[in-house]
Amino acid sequence: MKVFLVAGARPNFMKIAPIYRASLRHPQVTCKIVHTGQHYDHSMSQAFFDDLEIPAPSYSLEVGSGSHATQTAKIMIAFEEVCSADSPDLVLVVGDVNSTLACSIVAKKGGIAVAHVEAGLRSFDMEMPEEINRIVVDSITDHFFVTEESGVENLLREGKSPQRIHSVGHVMIDNLLRQLERLAQLDVTRLPVYPLKMEGGPYLFLTLHRPSNVDSRESFAPIAKAVNELAEQRTIFFPVHPRTRQAIDSFGIAFSPRVKLLSPLGYSESLFLWKDAEAVLTDSGGLQEETTALRVPCVTIRENTERPITVEIGSNVLAGCSTEGIISGYRESLEKKKRAQLPPLWDGKASERIWQRLLEGEVRRHEATGEAYAAPL
């Protein structure tokens, strides 16, 4: 079985890496990594892939940035050429970015089975481009791999067949646990952020990049005010996303000297800091889940989340975007840590479960028909 693993940006590689590594235990599977180049990242060198223990992509489409329509169209054109030339049996996509949408459409129209990892997640906010991507991808997916119970419920409500929905856990947690093991073997004193962490005392870790939070002064200013108020008592480490850096400069947003504005960090450096933070403040989807996995208090600076289990039983607090909400959310997160639980199947084995489901489907087809593998399973 030839499988294309599609990634469009750095976080996608964190998700496909454990899936690729698990595939190596199944000789009947050949995986090829496709990097659409949706987000250019100069730091994604061979060392980046070595850290994830995966090869460099078999195909790099290098589509670059652009409007949603332009970017999606470029990915579709380039990916169609790759599929025509190399004929995969299955295209596996992760998450909710434009690459996920574009490659799913191309595969489905080309008669190639589609598997969606992180299927069924919903924010119910159609102003989020990611929500549109999630809904469209799940409307044409053949195999749904779900991270939490809300995903199963959403898919069933949308009329998807229960036989095609698989609760497998979360590949992001597979990667997190693997990287924790690797971090334990590193000489962390060589990490550039090591001296910052060794300054002592409790600290907070902040990430902020969502357009709805940083693309206008009206939305950014109350968030910055909350951060500065928290910085009166805690040092805050803030690796600044390029989009956010541009907004800070454009809007004249000022931060307290106790808010340490850092350049974007690699995964190991970021993990080294946030895993021991008193709390994490973020508008990221992935960090809501990773902090829940390690029971680190998390304050999500958003009005909604497509990952409700992190709030329902995990260490995450949905704080909204007001100054008061963020301050209150920080206090609540410290209390919530005492009762936070680990979601079911978030045990580092999701990737292996994905291959078990896919290969069980292939075996059943062989037994039923005697035919060679053909998509869909």
Protein backbone atom coordinates (compact mmCIF):
# COMPACT_ATOMS: atom_id res chain seq x y z
CA MET A 1 0.00 0.00 0.00
CA LYS A 2 1.46 3.32 -1.08
CA VAL A 3 0.43 6.21 1.17
CA PHE A 4 1.07 9.94 0.78
CA LEU A 5 1.40 11.80 4.10
CA VAL A 6 0.56 15.45 3.49
CA ALA A 7 2.01 18.35 5.52
CA GLY A 8 1.72 22.05 4.85
CA ALA A 9 3.57 23.63 7.77
CA ARG A 10 5.79 22.85 10.76
CA PRO A 11 2.96 21.70 13.11
CA ASN A 12 1.74 19.25 10.44
CA PHE A 13 5.13 17.54 10.43
CA MET A 14 4.82 17.04 14.19
CA LYS A 15 1.64 15.06 13.45
CA ILE A 16 2.80 13.01 10.48
CA ALA A 17 6.19 12.14 11.99
CA PRO A 18 4.87 9.48 14.42
CA ILE A 19 2.59 8.13 11.68
CA TYR A 20 5.59 7.74 9.37
CA ARG A 21 7.70 6.10 12.07
CA ALA A 22 4.93 3.65 12.93
CA SER A 23 4.59 2.73 9.24
CA LEU A 24 8.13 1.33 9.31
CA ARG A 25 6.84 -1.56 11.40
CA HIS A 26 4.59 -2.61 8.52
CA PRO A 27 6.59 -3.78 5.47
CA GLN A 28 3.46 -3.84 3.30
CA VAL A 29 3.24 -0.03 3.65
CA THR A 30 5.29 2.52 1.70
CA CYS A 31 4.90 6.10 2.92
CA LYS A 32 5.95 9.17 0.97
CA ILE A 33 5.89 12.59 2.59
CA VAL A 34 4.46 15.48 0.59
CA HIS A 35 5.32 19.00 1.76
CA THR A 36 3.04 21.51 0.07
CA GLY A 37 5.14 24.46 1.22
CA GLN A 38 2.01 26.28 2.38
CA HIS A 39 4.11 28.07 5.00
CA TYR A 40 7.71 28.84 4.18
CA ASP A 41 10.00 28.09 7.11
CA HIS A 42 13.71 28.62 6.57
CA SER A 43 14.55 26.59 9.68
CA MET A 44 13.05 23.38 8.26
CA SER A 45 16.43 22.03 7.24
CA GLN A 46 17.57 18.41 7.15
CA ALA A 47 18.32 18.77 10.87
CA PHE A 48 14.62 19.48 11.44
CA PHE A 49 13.64 16.21 9.76
CA ASP A 50 16.41 14.36 11.56
CA ASP A 51 15.03 15.60 14.89
CA LEU A 52 11.64 14.16 13.97
CA GLU A 53 13.32 10.96 12.76
CA ILE A 54 11.74 11.17 9.33
CA PRO A 55 13.25 11.61 5.87
CA ALA A 56 13.06 14.83 3.93
CA PRO A 57 9.84 15.04 1.87
CA SER A 58 9.65 12.96 -1.28
CA TYR A 59 7.80 15.86 -2.88
CA SER A 60 8.08 19.57 -2.07
CA LEU A 61 5.43 21.58 -3.88
CA GLU A 62 6.71 25.00 -2.74
CA VAL A 63 3.40 26.79 -3.26
CA GLY A 64 4.12 29.60 -0.81
CA SER A 65 1.71 32.11 0.65
CA GLY A 66 -1.26 33.87 -0.92
CA SER A 67 -4.96 34.34 -0.40
CA HIS A 68 -6.93 31.28 0.62
CA ALA A 69 -8.19 30.80 -2.94
CA THR A 70 -4.80 31.33 -4.57
CA GLN A 71 -2.98 29.06 -2.16
CA THR A 72 -5.57 26.30 -2.33
CA ALA A 73 -5.60 26.40 -6.13
CA LYS A 74 -1.79 26.22 -6.34
CA ILE A 75 -1.69 23.23 -4.00
CA MET A 76 -4.41 21.43 -5.97
CA ILE A 77 -2.64 21.91 -9.30
CA ALA A 78 0.75 20.80 -7.98
CA PHE A 79 -0.61 17.88 -5.97
CA GLU A 80 -2.65 16.59 -8.89
CA GLU A 81 0.53 16.31 -10.94
CA VAL A 82 2.23 14.32 -8.16
CA CYS A 83 -0.73 11.97 -7.78
CA SER A 84 -0.95 11.42 -11.53
CA ALA A 85 2.74 10.58 -11.72
CA ASP A 86 3.00 8.37 -8.62
CA SER A 87 -0.52 6.92 -8.07
CA PRO A 88 -0.88 6.54 -4.29
CA ASP A 89 -3.46 4.17 -2.84
CA LEU A 90 -4.26 6.47 0.04
CA VAL A 91 -3.76 10.14 0.87
CA LEU A 92 -3.54 10.83 4.61
CA VAL A 93 -4.10 14.43 5.72
CA VAL A 94 -3.91 15.96 9.18
CA GLY A 95 -5.56 18.91 10.85
CA ASP A 96 -7.36 21.76 9.16
CA VAL A 97 -5.03 23.89 7.05
CA ASN A 98 -5.50 24.75 3.36
CA SER A 99 -3.19 21.90 2.38
CA THR A 100 -5.51 19.46 4.14
CA LEU A 101 -8.46 20.76 2.15
CA ALA A 102 -6.72 21.00 -1.24
CA CYS A 103 -5.08 17.58 -1.18
CA SER A 104 -8.24 15.86 0.03
CA ILE A 105 -10.24 17.27 -2.89
CA VAL A 106 -7.60 16.26 -5.43
CA ALA A 107 -7.38 12.74 -4.01
CA LYS A 108 -11.11 12.20 -3.86
CA LYS A 109 -11.69 13.44 -7.42
CA GLY A 110 -8.84 11.19 -8.55
CA GLY A 111 -10.42 8.08 -7.04
CA ILE A 112 -7.88 7.88 -4.22
CA ALA A 113 -8.99 7.09 -0.66
CA VAL A 114 -8.69 9.88 1.89
CA ALA A 115 -7.87 9.42 5.58
CA HIS A 116 -8.29 12.41 7.90
CA VAL A 117 -6.40 12.50 11.18
CA GLU A 118 -8.04 14.80 13.77
CA ALA A 119 -11.39 14.30 12.04
CA GLY A 120 -14.64 15.57 13.52
CA LEU A 121 -13.29 18.51 15.52
CA ARG A 122 -15.65 21.50 15.41
CA SER A 123 -15.52 25.03 16.83
CA PHE A 124 -18.95 25.85 15.32
CA ASP A 125 -17.48 29.20 14.28
CA MET A 126 -17.79 29.64 10.53
CA GLU A 127 -15.69 32.80 10.68
CA MET A 128 -12.68 30.55 11.22
CA PRO A 129 -11.16 29.43 7.88
CA GLU A 130 -10.05 26.25 9.63
CA GLU A 131 -13.63 25.36 10.50
CA ILE A 132 -14.62 25.54 6.84
CA ASN A 133 -11.67 23.32 5.96
CA ARG A 134 -12.61 20.79 8.64
CA ILE A 135 -16.22 20.51 7.49
CA VAL A 136 -15.38 20.20 3.78
CA VAL A 137 -12.64 17.63 4.33
CA ASP A 138 -14.85 15.49 6.52
CA SER A 139 -17.60 15.61 3.91
CA ILE A 140 -15.40 13.63 1.49
CA THR A 141 -13.20 11.58 3.84
CA ASP A 142 -13.19 7.77 3.70
CA HIS A 143 -11.46 7.04 7.03
CA PHE A 144 -12.00 9.25 10.08
CA PHE A 145 -9.36 9.08 12.80
CA VAL A 146 -10.67 10.86 15.87
CA THR A 147 -8.82 12.29 18.87
CA GLU A 148 -11.71 12.80 21.31
CA GLU A 149 -15.33 11.82 21.86
CA SER A 150 -16.72 15.13 20.59
CA GLY A 151 -15.29 14.26 17.17
CA VAL A 152 -17.23 10.99 17.09
CA GLU A 153 -20.42 12.77 18.15
CA ASN A 154 -20.01 15.48 15.50
CA LEU A 155 -19.39 12.99 12.70
CA LEU A 156 -22.34 10.82 13.66
CA ARG A 157 -24.57 13.89 13.82
CA GLU A 158 -23.40 14.77 10.30
CA GLY A 159 -24.45 11.35 9.06
CA LYS A 160 -21.10 9.59 8.77
CA SER A 161 -21.02 5.79 8.96
CA PRO A 162 -19.92 4.50 12.39
CA GLN A 163 -17.86 1.82 10.63
CA ARG A 164 -15.60 4.52 9.18
CA ILE A 165 -15.05 6.41 12.44
CA HIS A 166 -12.11 5.30 14.59
CA SER A 167 -11.17 6.66 18.02
CA VAL A 168 -7.41 6.25 18.06
CA GLY A 169 -6.06 8.87 20.44
CA HIS A 170 -3.89 11.73 19.28
CA VAL A 171 -0.76 11.61 17.13
CA MET A 172 0.26 15.03 18.53
CA ILE A 173 0.62 13.32 21.90
CA ASP A 174 2.62 10.51 20.28
CA ASN A 175 5.06 13.15 19.10
CA LEU A 176 5.05 15.01 22.42
CA LEU A 177 5.96 11.91 24.43
CA ARG A 178 8.66 10.98 21.93
CA GLN A 179 10.16 14.47 22.09
CA LEU A 180 10.09 14.42 25.88
CA GLU A 181 12.21 11.27 25.76
CA ARG A 182 14.65 12.92 23.37
CA LEU A 183 14.77 16.09 25.46
CA ALA A 184 15.72 14.01 28.51
CA GLN A 185 18.77 12.77 26.57
CA LEU A 186 19.87 16.24 25.44
CA ASP A 187 22.43 18.46 27.09
CA VAL A 188 19.86 21.18 27.76
CA THR A 189 22.55 23.58 28.94
CA ARG A 190 23.35 24.07 25.25
CA LEU A 191 19.84 25.27 24.43
CA PRO A 192 19.84 29.07 23.83
CA VAL A 193 16.85 29.47 26.18
CA TYR A 194 18.51 27.60 29.04
CA PRO A 195 19.85 30.75 30.79
CA LEU A 196 16.39 32.32 30.70
CA LYS A 197 14.78 29.37 32.41
CA MET A 198 17.54 29.24 35.02
CA GLU A 199 16.81 32.78 36.19
CA GLY A 200 14.52 31.13 38.71
CA GLY A 201 11.00 31.61 39.97
CA PRO A 202 7.67 30.66 38.43
CA TYR A 203 7.08 31.90 34.90
CA LEU A 204 4.41 31.87 32.20
CA PHE A 205 4.72 30.88 28.55
CA LEU A 206 2.78 32.74 25.85
CA THR A 207 2.06 32.12 22.18
CA LEU A 208 -0.19 34.35 20.09
CA HIS A 209 -0.71 34.31 16.35
CA ARG A 210 -4.39 33.94 15.42
CA PRO A 211 -5.51 36.66 12.97
CA SER A 212 -8.62 37.43 15.01
CA ASN A 213 -6.34 38.27 17.95
CA VAL A 214 -3.46 40.15 16.36
CA ASP A 215 -4.62 41.61 13.05
CA SER A 216 -6.29 44.68 14.59
CA ARG A 217 -5.26 47.00 17.39
CA GLU A 218 -8.75 46.73 18.89
CA SER A 219 -8.34 42.97 19.42
CA PHE A 220 -4.64 42.96 20.30
CA ALA A 221 -4.62 45.81 22.86
CA PRO A 222 -6.78 44.15 25.58
CA ILE A 223 -4.76 40.95 25.27
CA ALA A 224 -1.51 42.88 25.66
CA LYS A 225 -2.97 44.69 28.69
CA ALA A 226 -3.75 41.35 30.36
CA VAL A 227 -0.26 40.06 29.60
CA ASN A 228 1.32 43.18 31.10
CA GLU A 229 -0.81 42.86 34.25
CA LEU A 230 0.24 39.24 34.69
CA ALA A 231 3.86 40.28 34.12
CA GLU A 232 3.69 42.41 37.26
CA GLN A 233 4.02 39.16 39.21
CA ARG A 234 5.47 36.65 36.74
CA THR A 235 8.11 36.65 34.04
CA ILE A 236 6.52 35.72 30.71
CA PHE A 237 8.40 34.05 27.88
CA PHE A 238 6.85 35.02 24.56
CA PRO A 239 8.27 33.52 21.32
CA VAL A 240 6.81 35.92 18.78
CA HIS A 241 5.27 34.63 15.56
CA PRO A 242 6.28 36.71 12.49
CA ARG A 243 2.65 37.75 11.96
CA THR A 244 2.45 38.90 15.58
CA ARG A 245 5.77 40.73 15.38
CA GLN A 246 4.48 42.71 12.42
CA ALA A 247 1.33 43.60 14.34
CA ILE A 248 3.31 44.70 17.41
CA ASP A 249 5.35 47.06 15.25
CA SER A 250 2.39 48.31 13.21
CA PHE A 251 0.11 49.03 16.18
CA GLY A 252 2.79 50.23 18.58
CA ILE A 253 1.94 47.53 21.14
CA ALA A 254 4.18 47.91 24.21
CA PHE A 255 5.04 45.08 26.59
CA SER A 256 6.46 45.12 30.09
CA PRO A 257 10.21 44.43 30.43
CA ARG A 258 9.17 41.25 32.26
CA VAL A 259 7.63 39.98 29.01
CA LYS A 260 10.62 38.44 27.25
CA LEU A 261 10.02 38.76 23.51
CA LEU A 262 11.85 35.86 21.86
CA SER A 263 12.45 34.83 18.29
CA PRO A 264 10.40 31.82 17.11
CA LEU A 265 11.65 28.68 18.87
CA GLY A 266 12.31 25.17 17.67
CA TYR A 267 10.18 22.41 19.12
CA SER A 268 12.72 21.25 21.70
CA GLU A 269 13.35 24.76 23.02
CA SER A 270 9.66 25.53 23.17
CA LEU A 271 8.91 22.28 25.00
CA PHE A 272 11.82 22.86 27.37
CA LEU A 273 10.19 26.12 28.45
CA TRP A 274 6.46 25.44 28.48
CA LYS A 275 6.53 22.00 30.15
CA ASP A 276 7.61 23.58 33.43
CA ALA A 277 5.66 26.83 33.15
CA GLU A 278 3.23 27.76 35.91
CA ALA A 279 0.72 28.24 33.09
CA VAL A 280 0.63 28.55 29.31
CA LEU A 281 -1.33 31.30 27.58
CA THR A 282 -2.09 30.58 23.94
CA ASP A 283 -4.47 30.83 21.00
CA SER A 284 -3.00 27.69 19.44
CA GLY A 285 -4.97 24.51 18.99
CA GLY A 286 -2.06 22.13 19.51
CA LEU A 287 -0.87 23.63 22.77
CA GLN A 288 -4.33 23.21 24.30
CA GLU A 289 -3.88 19.48 23.77
CA GLU A 290 -0.21 19.17 24.66
CA THR A 291 -0.64 21.06 27.94
CA THR A 292 -3.60 18.82 28.78
CA ALA A 293 -1.42 15.77 28.12
CA LEU A 294 1.15 17.01 30.65
CA ARG A 295 -1.46 18.58 32.97
CA VAL A 296 0.08 22.04 32.60
CA PRO A 297 -2.46 24.83 33.26
CA CYS A 298 -3.50 26.42 29.97
CA VAL A 299 -5.35 29.68 29.29
CA THR A 300 -6.80 29.70 25.79
CA ILE A 301 -7.20 33.22 24.43
CA ARG A 302 -10.17 32.46 22.20
CA GLU A 303 -13.96 32.59 22.36
CA ASN A 304 -14.35 28.95 21.33
CA THR A 305 -12.40 25.75 20.90
CA GLU A 306 -12.71 22.76 18.62
CA ARG A 307 -11.00 20.69 21.32
CA PRO A 308 -13.61 20.67 24.12
CA ILE A 309 -12.17 17.70 25.97
CA THR A 310 -9.22 19.86 27.03
CA VAL A 311 -11.69 22.11 28.84
CA GLU A 312 -14.12 19.43 30.05
CA ILE A 313 -11.57 17.16 31.77
CA GLY A 314 -8.15 18.61 30.93
CA SER A 315 -6.12 21.53 32.24
CA ASN A 316 -7.42 24.09 29.72
CA VAL A 317 -9.56 27.16 30.46
CA LEU A 318 -11.39 28.96 27.66
CA ALA A 319 -10.78 32.56 28.71
CA GLY A 320 -12.02 34.67 25.81
CA CYS A 321 -10.04 37.67 24.56
CA SER A 322 -10.85 40.40 27.10
CA THR A 323 -8.37 41.62 29.68
CA GLU A 324 -10.62 40.53 32.53
CA GLY A 325 -11.33 37.13 31.01
CA ILE A 326 -7.63 36.34 30.55
CA ILE A 327 -6.72 37.36 34.11
CA SER A 328 -9.62 35.34 35.52
CA GLY A 329 -8.74 32.39 33.25
CA TYR A 330 -5.18 32.39 34.58
CA ARG A 331 -6.39 32.10 38.16
CA GLU A 332 -8.90 29.40 37.23
CA SER A 333 -6.24 27.38 35.39
CA LEU A 334 -4.11 27.10 38.52
CA GLU A 335 -7.08 25.66 40.41
CA LYS A 336 -8.03 23.39 37.53
CA LYS A 337 -4.63 21.71 37.54
CA LYS A 338 -5.58 19.94 40.77
CA ARG A 339 -8.39 17.98 39.09
CA ALA A 340 -7.16 17.75 35.48
CA GLN A 341 -7.37 14.34 33.82
CA LEU A 342 -5.75 12.74 30.79
CA PRO A 343 -8.20 12.10 27.91
CA PRO A 344 -8.76 8.46 26.89
CA LEU A 345 -6.17 6.92 24.52
CA TRP A 346 -3.77 9.85 24.77
CA ASP A 347 -1.02 7.36 25.53
CA GLY A 348 1.44 7.72 22.66
CA LYS A 349 0.04 4.83 20.62
CA ALA A 350 -2.38 6.61 18.28
CA SER A 351 -0.18 6.18 15.19
CA GLU A 352 -0.02 2.42 15.59
CA ARG A 353 -3.79 2.29 16.01
CA ILE A 354 -4.19 4.18 12.73
CA TRP A 355 -2.15 1.60 10.85
CA GLN A 356 -4.00 -1.24 12.54
CA ARG A 357 -7.33 0.15 11.34
CA LEU A 358 -6.09 0.79 7.82
CA LEU A 359 -4.42 -2.59 7.46
CA GLU A 360 -7.38 -4.44 8.97
CA GLY A 361 -9.46 -2.85 6.23
CA GLU A 362 -7.01 -4.05 3.60
CA VAL A 363 -7.05 -7.60 5.00
CA ARG A 364 -10.84 -7.69 5.04
CA ARG A 365 -10.90 -6.62 1.41
CA HIS A 366 -8.43 -9.32 0.41
CA GLU A 367 -10.42 -12.00 2.25
CA ALA A 368 -13.72 -10.87 0.78
CA THR A 369 -12.68 -10.47 -2.85
CA GLY A 370 -9.27 -12.01 -3.36
CA GLU A 371 -8.35 -8.82 -5.22
CA ALA A 372 -5.26 -6.75 -4.89
CA TYR A 373 -5.54 -3.63 -2.74
CA ALA A 374 -7.58 -0.85 -4.29
CA ALA A 375 -8.80 2.42 -2.81
CA PRO A 376 -11.00 2.96 -0.98
CA LEU A 377 -10.41 0.33 1.68
